[in-house]
Amino acid sequence: MKILFLQLRYASEAMRATLVIIVSLFFTSSAALAQEGYAHGADHCYYFEAPHGWVMDNRALASQGVPMVFYPAGTTWASADVAIYTRPSSQARQAADPIRAQVKEVLSMYKAASQRIKAKKAETIATKAGAKGELWAFTGYANGGAELVVYFLGRQTVNYFVAQVPEGADVQQSRRVLVELATSYRESADCKPCAGGASCIPIN
């Protein structure tokens, strides 16, 4: 992925999510072509499914505390025009409206970096499991790109998926892929560390 926005830096640096990928097809040393995965830590546990034609990679941004990224099959995080990542954040969870509080804080970060970014709620997302999420569009980047973010209010965290869309990319197609991913979101309490073997890939 050629662009990284401040949204990526928002979640607490102290939060290092542990991820397990349940592999149904096969995996390599860096990425898994998988059907389902989950991100978990002391205060969060949520499942998701890779969009059709996309792969999940739990190592590309592991050093930045990001448990999973997604990009089209046949590309990499570095080469994909459009890519998605997910992570939890506990920073705004205690606010009266945690999602709007997080959006406001992200905009404040951009303002501090001298970027006049605008955020607008685009729609409410209903997941297959019955959860409700909010799709927000962030625009106004100096490089012409945009971010589409779906936020879910977890029990103790705000869990979110971010699509990074560079200038010239198909925003509507990116939105469709993000929504497909987001509708697979399912918060749970049964996440367990990987026990080893060929069926999962652990990351700390």
Protein backbone atom coordinates (compact mmCIF):
# COMPACT_ATOMS: atom_id res chain seq x y z
CA MET A 1 0.00 0.00 0.00
CA LYS A 2 1.52 3.26 -1.10
CA ILE A 3 -0.28 5.60 1.32
CA LEU A 4 -0.66 5.47 5.07
CA PHE A 5 -2.97 7.91 6.80
CA LEU A 6 -3.11 9.05 10.41
CA GLN A 7 -6.13 6.82 10.96
CA LEU A 8 -3.61 3.99 11.18
CA ARG A 9 -1.88 5.69 14.10
CA TYR A 10 -4.99 6.44 16.12
CA ALA A 11 -5.33 3.30 18.23
CA SER A 12 -3.32 3.14 21.43
CA GLU A 13 0.31 2.20 20.93
CA ALA A 14 -0.03 0.06 24.03
CA MET A 15 -2.60 -2.12 22.30
CA ARG A 16 -0.91 -5.02 20.54
CA ALA A 17 -3.70 -7.26 19.31
CA THR A 18 -3.18 -10.98 19.02
CA LEU A 19 -4.55 -12.51 15.87
CA VAL A 20 -5.42 -16.03 14.84
CA ILE A 21 -6.32 -16.92 11.29
CA ILE A 22 -8.41 -20.02 10.76
CA VAL A 23 -7.12 -21.28 7.44
CA SER A 24 -9.47 -23.17 5.17
CA LEU A 25 -7.43 -23.18 1.97
CA PHE A 26 -3.69 -22.72 2.45
CA PHE A 27 -1.11 -20.34 3.88
CA THR A 28 2.35 -19.02 3.15
CA SER A 29 4.92 -17.46 5.48
CA SER A 30 3.43 -13.99 5.01
CA ALA A 31 -0.20 -14.27 4.03
CA ALA A 32 -3.14 -16.60 4.26
CA LEU A 33 -5.76 -17.26 1.64
CA ALA A 34 -8.44 -17.82 4.22
CA GLN A 35 -12.15 -17.74 4.74
CA GLU A 36 -12.33 -16.54 8.33
CA GLY A 37 -10.08 -14.93 10.90
CA TYR A 38 -10.35 -13.13 14.20
CA ALA A 39 -8.58 -10.43 16.15
CA HIS A 40 -8.36 -10.75 19.90
CA GLY A 41 -6.71 -9.31 22.97
CA ALA A 42 -7.49 -8.68 26.63
CA ASP A 43 -10.45 -6.41 25.82
CA HIS A 44 -11.68 -7.52 22.40
CA CYS A 45 -12.56 -10.52 20.24
CA TYR A 46 -14.13 -10.23 16.82
CA TYR A 47 -14.40 -12.39 13.71
CA PHE A 48 -14.46 -11.47 10.02
CA GLU A 49 -14.31 -13.08 6.58
CA ALA A 50 -12.10 -12.03 3.69
CA PRO A 51 -13.98 -10.38 0.80
CA HIS A 52 -14.39 -12.47 -2.33
CA GLY A 53 -11.16 -12.45 -4.34
CA TRP A 54 -9.16 -10.90 -1.49
CA VAL A 55 -6.60 -12.39 0.89
CA MET A 56 -5.86 -11.76 4.56
CA ASP A 57 -2.32 -11.00 5.77
CA ASN A 58 -1.51 -10.91 9.49
CA ARG A 59 2.12 -9.83 9.13
CA ALA A 60 2.22 -6.81 6.82
CA LEU A 61 1.56 -4.25 9.60
CA ALA A 62 2.15 -6.42 12.66
CA SER A 63 5.01 -4.17 13.76
CA GLN A 64 2.50 -1.29 14.01
CA GLY A 65 0.06 -3.30 16.10
CA VAL A 66 -2.35 -3.96 13.22
CA PRO A 67 -3.67 -7.52 13.46
CA MET A 68 -4.87 -7.96 9.88
CA VAL A 69 -4.76 -6.36 6.45
CA PHE A 70 -6.69 -7.33 3.34
CA TYR A 71 -5.81 -6.85 -0.33
CA PRO A 72 -6.76 -8.36 -3.71
CA ALA A 73 -5.36 -11.80 -4.51
CA GLY A 74 -2.26 -11.55 -6.67
CA THR A 75 -1.09 -8.32 -5.00
CA THR A 76 0.61 -7.42 -1.72
CA TRP A 77 0.07 -4.69 0.86
CA ALA A 78 2.84 -2.73 -0.86
CA SER A 79 1.58 -3.18 -4.42
CA ALA A 80 -2.21 -3.10 -4.06
CA ASP A 81 -3.96 0.04 -5.26
CA VAL A 82 -6.63 -0.36 -2.59
CA ALA A 83 -6.15 -2.19 0.70
CA ILE A 84 -8.03 -2.56 3.98
CA TYR A 85 -6.92 -3.09 7.55
CA THR A 86 -8.70 -3.71 10.83
CA ARG A 87 -7.85 -2.92 14.43
CA PRO A 88 -9.54 -2.14 17.76
CA SER A 89 -9.25 1.01 19.83
CA SER A 90 -10.17 1.60 23.46
CA GLN A 91 -9.40 5.33 23.50
CA ALA A 92 -12.93 6.62 22.85
CA ARG A 93 -14.95 3.72 24.27
CA GLN A 94 -16.08 5.56 27.42
CA ALA A 95 -17.45 8.58 25.55
CA ALA A 96 -21.20 9.13 25.30
CA ASP A 97 -20.95 8.44 21.56
CA PRO A 98 -17.70 6.46 21.15
CA ILE A 99 -17.75 6.32 17.36
CA ARG A 100 -18.27 10.06 16.88
CA ALA A 101 -15.69 10.72 19.59
CA GLN A 102 -13.17 8.63 17.67
CA VAL A 103 -13.97 10.37 14.40
CA LYS A 104 -13.54 13.76 16.09
CA GLU A 105 -10.20 12.74 17.57
CA VAL A 106 -8.93 11.49 14.21
CA LEU A 107 -9.92 14.79 12.59
CA SER A 108 -8.06 16.61 15.35
CA MET A 109 -4.95 14.61 14.54
CA TYR A 110 -5.21 15.55 10.89
CA LYS A 111 -5.72 19.20 11.82
CA ALA A 112 -2.57 19.08 13.93
CA ALA A 113 -0.77 17.76 10.85
CA SER A 114 -2.10 20.73 8.83
CA GLN A 115 -4.57 18.65 6.81
CA ARG A 116 -8.16 19.83 6.41
CA ILE A 117 -9.89 16.49 6.31
CA LYS A 118 -13.67 16.17 6.30
CA ALA A 119 -15.62 13.21 7.66
CA LYS A 120 -19.20 12.31 6.83
CA LYS A 121 -21.34 9.41 7.93
CA ALA A 122 -22.42 7.62 4.75
CA GLU A 123 -24.63 4.81 5.99
CA THR A 124 -25.43 2.34 8.74
CA ILE A 125 -24.16 -1.19 8.15
CA ALA A 126 -26.08 -4.24 9.33
CA THR A 127 -23.96 -7.36 9.73
CA LYS A 128 -25.00 -10.96 9.15
CA ALA A 129 -24.82 -11.46 12.92
CA GLY A 130 -27.18 -8.55 13.59
CA ALA A 131 -24.64 -5.94 14.72
CA LYS A 132 -24.88 -2.31 13.59
CA GLY A 133 -21.91 -0.39 12.27
CA GLU A 134 -21.34 3.07 10.83
CA LEU A 135 -19.64 3.74 7.50
CA TRP A 136 -17.76 7.06 7.44
CA ALA A 137 -16.02 8.70 4.49
CA PHE A 138 -12.89 10.79 5.10
CA THR A 139 -11.99 13.12 2.22
CA GLY A 140 -9.81 16.14 1.51
CA TYR A 141 -6.38 14.53 1.59
CA ALA A 142 -3.60 16.48 -0.08
CA ASN A 143 -2.68 13.44 -2.19
CA GLY A 144 -6.22 13.13 -3.53
CA GLY A 145 -6.94 9.88 -1.74
CA ALA A 146 -9.74 8.99 0.63
CA GLU A 147 -10.49 6.66 3.51
CA LEU A 148 -13.67 4.69 4.05
CA VAL A 149 -14.08 3.43 7.60
CA VAL A 150 -16.66 1.13 9.18
CA TYR A 151 -16.83 1.41 12.97
CA PHE A 152 -18.44 -1.11 15.33
CA LEU A 153 -19.08 -0.49 18.99
CA GLY A 154 -17.63 -3.47 20.86
CA ARG A 155 -18.10 -4.36 24.50
CA GLN A 156 -14.92 -2.56 25.55
CA THR A 157 -13.48 -1.22 22.31
CA VAL A 158 -14.38 0.43 19.04
CA ASN A 159 -13.48 -2.07 16.33
CA TYR A 160 -13.02 -0.73 12.84
CA PHE A 161 -12.12 -1.53 9.23
CA VAL A 162 -10.35 1.07 7.08
CA ALA A 163 -10.19 1.06 3.27
CA GLN A 164 -7.40 3.25 1.95
CA VAL A 165 -8.37 4.49 -1.49
CA PRO A 166 -5.77 6.40 -3.53
CA GLU A 167 -6.60 9.04 -6.11
CA GLY A 168 -7.91 7.47 -9.31
CA ALA A 169 -9.15 4.25 -7.69
CA ASP A 170 -12.78 3.17 -7.95
CA VAL A 171 -14.29 4.52 -4.73
CA GLN A 172 -17.63 2.78 -5.19
CA GLN A 173 -16.02 -0.60 -5.81
CA SER A 174 -13.80 -0.06 -2.78
CA ARG A 175 -16.91 0.74 -0.77
CA ARG A 176 -18.64 -2.46 -1.92
CA VAL A 177 -15.65 -4.57 -0.88
CA LEU A 178 -15.40 -2.83 2.48
CA VAL A 179 -19.11 -3.34 3.14
CA GLU A 180 -18.81 -7.02 2.19
CA LEU A 181 -16.03 -7.39 4.74
CA ALA A 182 -17.83 -5.35 7.39
CA THR A 183 -21.03 -7.36 7.13
CA SER A 184 -19.06 -10.45 8.15
CA TYR A 185 -18.07 -8.80 11.46
CA ARG A 186 -19.08 -10.74 14.53
CA GLU A 187 -18.04 -9.90 18.08
CA SER A 188 -17.62 -12.91 20.35
CA ALA A 189 -16.07 -14.04 23.60
CA ASP A 190 -14.58 -17.34 22.43
CA CYS A 191 -11.32 -16.20 20.82
CA LYS A 192 -8.38 -18.34 21.92
CA PRO A 193 -4.65 -18.06 21.26
CA CYS A 194 -3.46 -20.27 18.43
CA ALA A 195 -2.62 -23.72 19.73
CA GLY A 196 -0.28 -24.43 16.83
CA GLY A 197 -0.51 -26.82 13.93
CA ALA A 198 -1.53 -26.21 10.33
CA SER A 199 -4.93 -24.70 11.01
CA CYS A 200 -3.89 -21.30 12.33
CA ILE A 201 -1.17 -18.67 12.31
CA PRO A 202 -0.39 -16.87 15.59
CA ILE A 203 0.89 -13.31 15.93
CA ASN A 204 1.77 -11.31 19.03
